[in-house]
Amino acid sequence: MKKLSLLIGGLLFSGLMMAQTGEQKGRISFEGQTTTSGTVIGKKFAPGARVRYFATEKLALRGTFALANNTTTNNYFSNEVDNTGEKGTYIDKSSIWNLAIGAEYHVEGTDKISPYAAVDFVYGSQKTIIDAKNATTAGYMANYTRDSETPATRLGVALMGGMDYNFSSIFYLGGEIGVQISNYTIGEGKTTTVMGTTTTNTLSNEVKRGTASDLIANVRLGFRF
């Protein structure tokens, strides 16, 4: 019985690995991806998720979403020699998300390999928050607090080339490389600073950085339905 089970399992696995991709039209794929290069508002994205719908055998519509959060906390003390006395904290937070909507056109390949060219329209948004209590970037400061929030956005277009390697009709591994051209804008920032009994509210001006280009490269793993 054990040998029969191994034989049947081996045949099923062999059939799966040798299966062709089959017709693409009307199929939907879901995939996860890791950005190995390229930036959006100064940050690398890992991971991301993509949905594709094959409108024809060669043309697929797609949407990609990526999210990155980062928090850095620095603790300071009034006596830095042995970290004793009054404590201060300086927290730097950033939250970034990126949405890309586009299409890809698959050219002639093989049952296993499906190369394509793609274009995406990209929108990215970032929010940076500073939360400081009895501390600055230089160290401990008594009776000092700072709360600030600065938004930023990026709008652009990405041109890419990629490839799917089909392990079976439903399972594939892919790669993609290209360039993203976009405009980067730092929005109006708000800061509240308290030093002792004095409170100061300030606004920073919007800054447009102009056009920038970034290299994009990622690895993808997905399933078709």
Protein backbone atom coordinates (compact mmCIF):
# COMPACT_ATOMS: atom_id res chain seq x y z
CA MET A 1 0.00 0.00 0.00
CA LYS A 2 2.86 2.36 0.87
CA LYS A 3 4.57 1.70 -2.47
CA LEU A 4 1.27 2.26 -4.33
CA SER A 5 0.73 5.56 -2.50
CA LEU A 6 4.24 6.71 -3.38
CA LEU A 7 3.70 5.72 -7.02
CA ILE A 8 0.40 7.61 -7.28
CA GLY A 9 1.89 10.64 -5.52
CA GLY A 10 4.88 10.60 -7.86
CA LEU A 11 2.65 10.45 -10.93
CA LEU A 12 0.50 13.33 -9.70
CA PHE A 13 3.54 15.46 -8.89
CA SER A 14 5.10 14.67 -12.28
CA GLY A 15 1.88 15.59 -14.05
CA LEU A 16 1.70 18.87 -12.16
CA MET A 17 5.26 19.84 -13.02
CA MET A 18 4.79 18.95 -16.70
CA ALA A 19 1.42 20.67 -17.06
CA GLN A 20 1.13 23.44 -19.60
CA THR A 21 -0.14 26.89 -18.80
CA GLY A 22 -3.25 26.40 -20.91
CA GLU A 23 -5.58 29.17 -22.07
CA GLN A 24 -5.03 32.49 -20.34
CA LYS A 25 -8.13 34.44 -21.37
CA GLY A 26 -10.51 35.05 -18.48
CA ARG A 27 -8.10 33.79 -15.83
CA ILE A 28 -7.14 35.70 -12.68
CA SER A 29 -3.81 35.49 -10.91
CA PHE A 30 -2.81 36.53 -7.39
CA GLU A 31 0.82 37.00 -6.49
CA GLY A 32 3.13 38.26 -3.81
CA GLN A 33 6.30 40.12 -4.67
CA THR A 34 9.45 41.40 -3.05
CA THR A 35 11.08 44.55 -4.38
CA THR A 36 14.80 43.87 -4.64
CA SER A 37 15.63 47.33 -5.99
CA GLY A 38 13.90 50.58 -6.71
CA THR A 39 12.37 53.12 -4.37
CA VAL A 40 9.13 54.96 -3.86
CA ILE A 41 9.52 58.16 -1.84
CA GLY A 42 12.94 57.05 -0.68
CA LYS A 43 11.94 53.62 0.65
CA LYS A 44 12.24 50.08 -0.66
CA PHE A 45 9.00 48.15 -0.76
CA ALA A 46 8.80 44.62 0.54
CA PRO A 47 6.42 42.96 0.26
CA GLY A 48 3.75 43.83 -2.29
CA ALA A 49 0.70 42.11 -3.78
CA ARG A 50 -0.63 42.02 -7.35
CA VAL A 51 -3.83 40.93 -9.08
CA ARG A 52 -3.95 40.25 -12.83
CA TYR A 53 -6.90 39.62 -15.12
CA PHE A 54 -6.24 38.25 -18.62
CA ALA A 55 -8.64 40.07 -20.91
CA THR A 56 -7.20 38.18 -23.89
CA GLU A 57 -4.62 35.43 -24.35
CA LYS A 58 -1.85 38.05 -24.41
CA LEU A 59 -3.20 41.15 -22.65
CA ALA A 60 -3.53 41.28 -18.85
CA LEU A 61 -4.86 44.13 -16.73
CA ARG A 62 -3.17 44.45 -13.35
CA GLY A 63 -3.15 46.26 -10.02
CA THR A 64 -0.28 46.29 -7.52
CA PHE A 65 -0.29 47.46 -3.90
CA ALA A 66 2.69 47.80 -1.56
CA LEU A 67 2.96 49.02 2.01
CA ALA A 68 5.89 49.84 4.28
CA ASN A 69 5.91 51.06 7.89
CA ASN A 70 8.95 51.98 9.93
CA THR A 71 9.42 53.23 13.51
CA THR A 72 12.71 54.26 15.11
CA THR A 73 12.78 55.00 18.85
CA ASN A 74 15.79 56.60 20.55
CA ASN A 75 15.92 56.74 24.35
CA TYR A 76 18.03 59.35 26.12
CA PHE A 77 18.77 60.07 29.78
CA SER A 78 19.78 63.15 31.70
CA ASN A 79 22.89 61.24 32.74
CA GLU A 80 24.15 59.53 29.58
CA VAL A 81 27.23 58.13 31.30
CA ASP A 82 25.28 55.33 32.98
CA ASN A 83 21.76 55.93 31.55
CA THR A 84 20.25 57.15 34.80
CA GLY A 85 18.12 60.11 35.78
CA GLU A 86 15.22 61.54 33.80
CA LYS A 87 14.31 59.76 30.54
CA GLY A 88 13.52 61.27 27.14
CA THR A 89 12.31 59.60 23.92
CA TYR A 90 12.58 60.62 20.29
CA ILE A 91 10.32 58.60 17.95
CA ASP A 92 10.50 58.84 14.15
CA LYS A 93 7.65 57.07 12.28
CA SER A 94 6.98 56.68 8.57
CA SER A 95 4.05 55.05 6.78
CA ILE A 96 4.19 54.58 3.02
CA TRP A 97 1.88 52.94 0.52
CA ASN A 98 2.09 52.59 -3.24
CA LEU A 99 -0.63 51.77 -5.80
CA ALA A 100 0.05 50.91 -9.44
CA ILE A 101 -2.62 50.29 -12.10
CA GLY A 102 -1.59 49.12 -15.56
CA ALA A 103 -1.42 46.42 -18.19
CA GLU A 104 1.04 43.89 -19.57
CA TYR A 105 1.34 42.34 -23.02
CA HIS A 106 2.71 38.80 -23.29
CA VAL A 107 4.79 37.97 -26.36
CA GLU A 108 5.49 34.56 -27.87
CA GLY A 109 7.20 32.22 -25.42
CA THR A 110 7.01 28.55 -24.48
CA ASP A 111 4.74 26.42 -22.30
CA LYS A 112 7.05 27.19 -19.39
CA ILE A 113 8.21 30.76 -20.10
CA SER A 114 5.94 33.74 -20.81
CA PRO A 115 7.80 37.05 -21.39
CA TYR A 116 5.94 40.37 -21.38
CA ALA A 117 6.19 44.17 -21.51
CA ALA A 118 4.19 46.28 -19.04
CA VAL A 119 3.21 49.83 -18.20
CA ASP A 120 1.88 51.09 -14.84
CA PHE A 121 0.51 54.40 -13.63
CA VAL A 122 1.78 54.84 -10.08
CA TYR A 123 0.64 56.82 -7.05
CA GLY A 124 2.55 56.76 -3.77
CA SER A 125 1.83 58.44 -0.44
CA GLN A 126 3.97 58.91 2.66
CA LYS A 127 3.42 60.35 6.14
CA THR A 128 6.34 61.10 8.46
CA ILE A 129 5.66 61.70 12.16
CA ILE A 130 8.03 62.95 14.86
CA ASP A 131 7.02 62.42 18.50
CA ALA A 132 9.62 63.74 20.94
CA LYS A 133 9.35 64.07 24.71
CA ASN A 134 12.27 65.49 26.69
CA ALA A 135 14.60 64.71 23.79
CA THR A 136 15.91 66.02 20.47
CA THR A 137 18.03 64.29 17.86
CA ALA A 138 21.08 65.46 19.83
CA GLY A 139 20.01 63.93 23.15
CA TYR A 140 18.11 64.60 26.36
CA MET A 141 16.41 68.01 26.81
CA ALA A 142 14.22 68.68 29.84
CA ASN A 143 10.76 70.26 29.45
CA TYR A 144 10.79 69.85 25.66
CA THR A 145 8.24 68.19 23.37
CA ARG A 146 7.80 68.14 19.62
CA ASP A 147 4.95 66.75 17.53
CA SER A 148 5.22 67.05 13.76
CA GLU A 149 3.56 65.50 10.71
CA THR A 150 4.74 65.84 7.11
CA PRO A 151 2.99 64.25 4.09
CA ALA A 152 4.52 63.47 0.70
CA THR A 153 3.24 62.09 -2.60
CA ARG A 154 4.68 60.68 -5.80
CA LEU A 155 2.83 60.39 -9.13
CA GLY A 156 4.34 58.77 -12.18
CA VAL A 157 4.56 56.03 -14.77
CA ALA A 158 6.63 52.84 -14.87
CA LEU A 159 7.83 50.91 -17.94
CA MET A 160 8.90 47.32 -17.35
CA GLY A 161 9.79 44.01 -18.87
CA GLY A 162 9.16 40.72 -17.11
CA MET A 163 8.74 36.97 -17.36
CA ASP A 164 6.60 34.22 -15.82
CA TYR A 165 8.12 30.78 -15.36
CA ASN A 166 5.26 28.30 -15.19
CA PHE A 167 5.78 25.35 -12.86
CA SER A 168 2.23 24.26 -13.72
CA SER A 169 -1.02 25.66 -15.10
CA ILE A 170 -1.71 27.38 -11.77
CA PHE A 171 1.68 28.01 -10.13
CA TYR A 172 4.42 30.32 -11.42
CA LEU A 173 7.55 32.25 -10.47
CA GLY A 174 8.34 35.58 -12.11
CA GLY A 175 10.76 38.47 -12.32
CA GLU A 176 10.45 42.06 -13.49
CA ILE A 177 12.77 44.99 -14.15
CA GLY A 178 12.19 48.49 -15.44
CA VAL A 179 12.24 52.20 -14.71
CA GLN A 180 9.78 54.52 -12.97
CA ILE A 181 9.57 58.23 -13.83
CA SER A 182 7.63 60.40 -11.39
CA ASN A 183 7.09 63.76 -9.70
CA TYR A 184 7.73 63.98 -5.95
CA THR A 185 5.98 66.54 -3.72
CA ILE A 186 6.50 67.19 -0.01
CA GLY A 187 3.24 68.54 1.37
CA GLU A 188 2.58 71.21 3.98
CA GLY A 189 3.94 70.03 7.33
CA LYS A 190 2.64 70.89 10.80
CA THR A 191 4.80 71.09 13.93
CA THR A 192 3.97 71.88 17.55
CA THR A 193 6.94 72.55 19.83
CA VAL A 194 6.83 73.09 23.60
CA MET A 195 9.85 74.44 25.47
CA GLY A 196 9.07 74.99 29.11
CA THR A 197 5.91 77.12 29.16
CA THR A 198 6.24 78.35 25.55
CA THR A 199 4.25 76.64 22.77
CA THR A 200 5.04 77.27 19.09
CA ASN A 201 2.98 76.11 16.10
CA THR A 202 4.64 76.20 12.68
CA LEU A 203 3.72 75.22 9.11
CA SER A 204 6.24 74.24 6.46
CA ASN A 205 5.67 75.12 2.80
CA GLU A 206 4.86 72.61 0.10
CA VAL A 207 7.95 71.62 -1.88
CA LYS A 208 7.89 70.12 -5.37
CA ARG A 209 11.08 68.19 -6.12
CA GLY A 210 10.39 67.79 -9.85
CA THR A 211 10.90 64.69 -11.99
CA ALA A 212 12.90 61.73 -10.71
CA SER A 213 13.64 58.27 -12.11
CA ASP A 214 14.03 55.02 -10.15
CA LEU A 215 15.11 51.53 -11.08
CA ILE A 216 12.52 48.84 -10.33
CA ALA A 217 13.31 45.14 -9.93
CA ASN A 218 11.26 42.49 -8.17
CA VAL A 219 10.72 38.77 -7.73
CA ARG A 220 7.14 37.40 -7.83
CA LEU A 221 5.42 34.18 -6.81
CA GLY A 222 1.82 33.60 -7.86
CA PHE A 223 -1.18 31.37 -8.57
CA ARG A 224 -3.71 31.39 -11.44
CA PHE A 225 -7.39 30.60 -11.10
